[in-house]
N, C-alpha and C. Protein backbone atom coordinates (compact mmCIF):
# COMPACT_ATOMS: atom_id res chain seq x y z
N UNK A 1 3.49 -3.37 1.67
CA UNK A 1 3.74 -2.93 3.02
C UNK A 1 2.44 -2.77 3.79
N UNK A 2 2.48 -3.09 5.06
CA UNK A 2 1.32 -2.95 5.89
C UNK A 2 0.97 -1.40 6.03
N UNK A 3 -0.30 -0.98 5.79
CA UNK A 3 -0.62 0.43 5.88
C UNK A 3 -0.24 1.15 7.10
N UNK A 4 -0.36 0.44 8.26
CA UNK A 4 0.00 1.10 9.53
C UNK A 4 1.49 1.37 9.59
N UNK A 5 2.33 0.53 8.95
CA UNK A 5 3.73 0.78 8.89
C UNK A 5 4.04 2.06 8.03
N UNK A 6 3.33 2.16 6.90
CA UNK A 6 3.52 3.31 6.06
C UNK A 6 3.13 4.58 6.79
N UNK A 7 2.02 4.59 7.51
CA UNK A 7 1.63 5.76 8.29
C UNK A 7 2.62 6.04 9.38
N UNK A 8 3.11 5.06 10.01
CA UNK A 8 4.10 5.19 11.10
C UNK A 8 5.43 5.85 10.60
N UNK A 9 5.87 5.37 9.45
CA UNK A 9 7.09 6.00 8.82
C UNK A 9 6.90 7.42 8.48
N UNK A 10 5.76 7.69 7.88
CA UNK A 10 5.52 9.14 7.53
C UNK A 10 5.41 10.01 8.78
N UNK A 11 4.81 9.55 9.82
CA UNK A 11 4.66 10.29 11.09
C UNK A 11 6.06 10.46 11.73
N UNK A 12 6.86 9.46 11.76
CA UNK A 12 8.17 9.55 12.37
C UNK A 12 9.09 10.53 11.59
N UNK A 13 9.02 10.46 10.25
CA UNK A 13 9.81 11.44 9.47
C UNK A 13 9.37 12.86 9.67
N UNK A 14 8.10 13.11 9.86
CA UNK A 14 7.62 14.43 10.11
C UNK A 14 8.12 14.89 11.48
N UNK A 15 7.94 14.02 12.52
CA UNK A 15 8.35 14.39 13.88
C UNK A 15 9.84 14.58 13.96
N UNK A 16 10.61 13.70 13.40
CA UNK A 16 12.08 13.73 13.62
C UNK A 16 12.80 14.82 12.81
N UNK A 17 12.38 15.05 11.59
CA UNK A 17 13.09 16.11 10.85
C UNK A 17 12.19 16.98 9.95
N UNK A 18 10.88 17.05 10.35
CA UNK A 18 9.95 17.89 9.59
C UNK A 18 9.92 17.49 8.09
N UNK A 19 10.09 16.20 7.82
CA UNK A 19 10.24 15.74 6.44
C UNK A 19 9.05 15.07 5.93
N UNK A 20 9.01 14.94 4.64
CA UNK A 20 8.09 14.11 3.91
C UNK A 20 8.84 13.14 3.08
N UNK A 21 8.28 11.91 2.94
CA UNK A 21 8.99 10.89 2.20
C UNK A 21 8.09 10.27 1.16
N UNK A 22 8.69 9.52 0.27
CA UNK A 22 7.96 8.83 -0.80
C UNK A 22 8.56 7.43 -0.95
N UNK A 23 7.73 6.50 -1.32
CA UNK A 23 8.18 5.20 -1.73
C UNK A 23 9.01 4.42 -0.67
N UNK A 24 8.54 4.36 0.61
CA UNK A 24 9.34 3.57 1.55
C UNK A 24 9.30 2.13 1.18
N UNK A 25 10.45 1.43 1.29
CA UNK A 25 10.55 0.03 0.98
C UNK A 25 11.28 -0.67 2.07
N UNK A 26 10.81 -1.82 2.46
CA UNK A 26 11.50 -2.71 3.40
C UNK A 26 12.72 -3.23 2.74
N UNK A 27 13.90 -2.99 3.36
CA UNK A 27 15.16 -3.52 2.78
C UNK A 27 15.82 -4.61 3.62
N UNK A 28 15.51 -4.65 4.91
CA UNK A 28 16.01 -5.72 5.82
C UNK A 28 15.02 -6.03 6.84
N UNK A 29 14.86 -7.25 7.23
CA UNK A 29 14.08 -7.72 8.31
C UNK A 29 14.98 -8.48 9.26
N UNK A 30 15.21 -8.01 10.45
CA UNK A 30 16.09 -8.64 11.40
C UNK A 30 15.32 -9.28 12.50
N UNK A 31 15.64 -10.50 12.82
CA UNK A 31 14.91 -11.18 13.93
C UNK A 31 16.00 -11.62 14.93
N UNK A 32 15.71 -11.51 16.17
CA UNK A 32 16.62 -11.96 17.25
C UNK A 32 15.86 -12.76 18.24
N UNK A 33 16.46 -13.76 18.78
CA UNK A 33 15.85 -14.60 19.89
C UNK A 33 16.23 -13.86 21.17
N UNK A 34 15.19 -13.42 21.87
CA UNK A 34 15.31 -12.71 23.12
C UNK A 34 14.81 -13.57 24.33
N UNK A 35 15.11 -13.22 25.48
CA UNK A 35 14.61 -13.93 26.67
C UNK A 35 13.06 -13.89 26.71
N UNK A 36 12.50 -12.79 26.21
CA UNK A 36 11.02 -12.64 26.21
C UNK A 36 10.31 -13.06 24.98
N UNK A 37 11.10 -13.63 23.98
CA UNK A 37 10.43 -14.03 22.75
C UNK A 37 11.32 -13.66 21.55
N UNK A 38 10.66 -13.38 20.45
CA UNK A 38 11.46 -13.00 19.26
C UNK A 38 11.35 -11.48 19.02
N UNK A 39 12.49 -10.89 18.85
CA UNK A 39 12.56 -9.44 18.57
C UNK A 39 12.61 -9.23 17.06
N UNK A 40 11.91 -8.26 16.55
CA UNK A 40 11.83 -8.01 15.12
C UNK A 40 12.16 -6.53 14.89
N UNK A 41 13.05 -6.32 13.89
CA UNK A 41 13.38 -4.96 13.48
C UNK A 41 13.18 -4.86 11.99
N UNK A 42 12.44 -3.85 11.57
CA UNK A 42 12.13 -3.56 10.14
C UNK A 42 13.02 -2.46 9.72
N UNK A 43 13.82 -2.63 8.69
CA UNK A 43 14.73 -1.54 8.21
C UNK A 43 14.22 -1.12 6.84
N UNK A 44 13.91 0.15 6.73
CA UNK A 44 13.32 0.73 5.48
C UNK A 44 14.29 1.72 4.85
N UNK A 45 14.11 1.90 3.55
CA UNK A 45 14.75 2.96 2.81
C UNK A 45 13.62 3.75 2.14
N UNK A 46 13.76 5.07 1.95
CA UNK A 46 12.74 5.86 1.32
C UNK A 46 13.37 7.09 0.67
N UNK A 47 12.66 7.69 -0.31
CA UNK A 47 13.11 8.91 -0.85
C UNK A 47 12.67 10.04 0.01
N UNK A 48 13.59 10.91 0.35
CA UNK A 48 13.27 12.10 1.17
C UNK A 48 12.84 13.22 0.21
N UNK A 49 11.59 13.62 0.30
CA UNK A 49 11.02 14.68 -0.57
C UNK A 49 11.33 16.08 -0.06
N UNK A 50 11.19 16.21 1.28
CA UNK A 50 11.44 17.56 1.83
C UNK A 50 11.93 17.41 3.23
N UNK A 51 12.55 18.48 3.73
CA UNK A 51 13.01 18.58 5.13
C UNK A 51 12.85 19.95 5.61
N UNK A 52 12.29 20.14 6.85
CA UNK A 52 12.16 21.47 7.45
C UNK A 52 12.41 21.26 8.94
N UNK A 53 13.62 21.49 9.35
CA UNK A 53 14.02 21.23 10.71
C UNK A 53 13.26 22.10 11.74
N UNK A 54 12.73 23.22 11.33
CA UNK A 54 11.93 24.03 12.21
C UNK A 54 10.55 23.43 12.43
N UNK A 55 10.14 22.47 11.66
CA UNK A 55 8.79 21.85 11.75
C UNK A 55 8.89 20.54 12.58
N UNK A 56 10.03 20.21 13.13
CA UNK A 56 10.12 18.99 13.97
C UNK A 56 9.18 19.09 15.16
N UNK A 57 8.52 17.99 15.50
CA UNK A 57 7.53 17.92 16.63
C UNK A 57 7.86 16.90 17.62
N UNK A 58 8.86 16.10 17.52
CA UNK A 58 9.10 15.06 18.46
C UNK A 58 9.37 15.57 19.88
N UNK A 59 8.85 14.92 20.87
CA UNK A 59 8.98 15.38 22.23
C UNK A 59 10.43 15.47 22.69
N UNK A 60 11.32 14.70 22.12
CA UNK A 60 12.74 14.80 22.47
C UNK A 60 13.35 16.13 22.24
N UNK A 61 12.85 16.94 21.36
CA UNK A 61 13.42 18.25 21.08
C UNK A 61 13.12 19.25 22.14
N UNK A 62 12.23 18.97 23.06
CA UNK A 62 11.92 19.89 24.14
C UNK A 62 12.54 19.38 25.46
N UNK A 63 13.42 18.38 25.39
CA UNK A 63 14.06 17.84 26.57
C UNK A 63 15.58 17.97 26.41
N UNK A 64 16.17 19.05 26.85
CA UNK A 64 17.60 19.23 26.68
C UNK A 64 18.45 18.12 27.35
N UNK A 65 17.91 17.55 28.39
CA UNK A 65 18.67 16.45 29.07
C UNK A 65 18.93 15.22 28.18
N UNK A 66 18.21 15.13 27.12
CA UNK A 66 18.40 13.98 26.15
C UNK A 66 19.45 14.27 25.17
N UNK A 67 20.07 15.47 25.22
CA UNK A 67 21.16 15.71 24.27
C UNK A 67 20.67 16.47 23.00
N UNK A 68 21.62 16.60 22.04
CA UNK A 68 21.27 17.32 20.87
C UNK A 68 20.84 16.31 19.73
N UNK A 69 20.22 16.94 18.75
CA UNK A 69 19.79 16.15 17.59
C UNK A 69 20.21 16.92 16.34
N UNK A 70 21.45 16.76 15.97
CA UNK A 70 21.98 17.48 14.83
C UNK A 70 21.79 16.63 13.57
N UNK A 71 21.34 17.27 12.51
CA UNK A 71 21.21 16.59 11.20
C UNK A 71 22.53 16.80 10.44
N UNK A 72 23.07 15.73 10.00
CA UNK A 72 24.27 15.73 9.19
C UNK A 72 23.91 15.44 7.78
N UNK A 73 24.20 16.32 6.88
CA UNK A 73 23.85 16.10 5.46
C UNK A 73 25.11 15.47 4.76
N UNK A 74 24.83 14.47 4.04
CA UNK A 74 25.88 13.70 3.32
C UNK A 74 25.47 13.59 1.88
N UNK A 75 26.40 13.86 0.93
CA UNK A 75 26.08 13.68 -0.52
C UNK A 75 25.76 12.16 -0.73
N UNK A 76 24.79 11.95 -1.59
CA UNK A 76 24.43 10.56 -1.93
C UNK A 76 25.25 10.05 -3.05
N UNK A 77 26.53 9.77 -2.70
CA UNK A 77 27.46 9.22 -3.66
C UNK A 77 28.01 7.94 -2.96
N UNK A 78 28.52 7.02 -3.74
CA UNK A 78 29.06 5.79 -3.18
C UNK A 78 30.15 6.10 -2.22
N UNK A 79 31.09 7.03 -2.57
CA UNK A 79 32.23 7.33 -1.77
C UNK A 79 31.76 7.91 -0.38
N UNK A 80 30.84 8.83 -0.42
CA UNK A 80 30.34 9.45 0.80
C UNK A 80 29.62 8.46 1.68
N UNK A 81 28.84 7.59 1.13
CA UNK A 81 28.11 6.64 1.89
C UNK A 81 29.08 5.61 2.51
N UNK A 82 30.09 5.16 1.79
CA UNK A 82 31.14 4.29 2.34
C UNK A 82 31.87 4.93 3.53
N UNK A 83 32.06 6.29 3.50
CA UNK A 83 32.81 6.93 4.54
C UNK A 83 32.06 7.10 5.85
N UNK A 84 30.67 6.83 5.81
CA UNK A 84 29.92 6.96 7.02
C UNK A 84 30.30 5.88 8.04
N UNK A 85 30.42 6.25 9.25
CA UNK A 85 30.74 5.26 10.33
C UNK A 85 29.96 5.65 11.54
């Protein structure tokens, strides 16, 4: 994985849920033809090592007009993952 992607993922996880991650892996690469060129989305999976919602630093948490950011915890079982929609 490109080092800047690894740093970006770790930064995003810290900002969004005060978390630390390990072993991020690219699981999907999606490309779309857009009017302005080719759009690319990188989809990663990673192990969540820790979470501290009080440590979130993303600017969206200080803007109530953007709505709420509730964390929903789901057991990591096949049945629970299938039930997500």
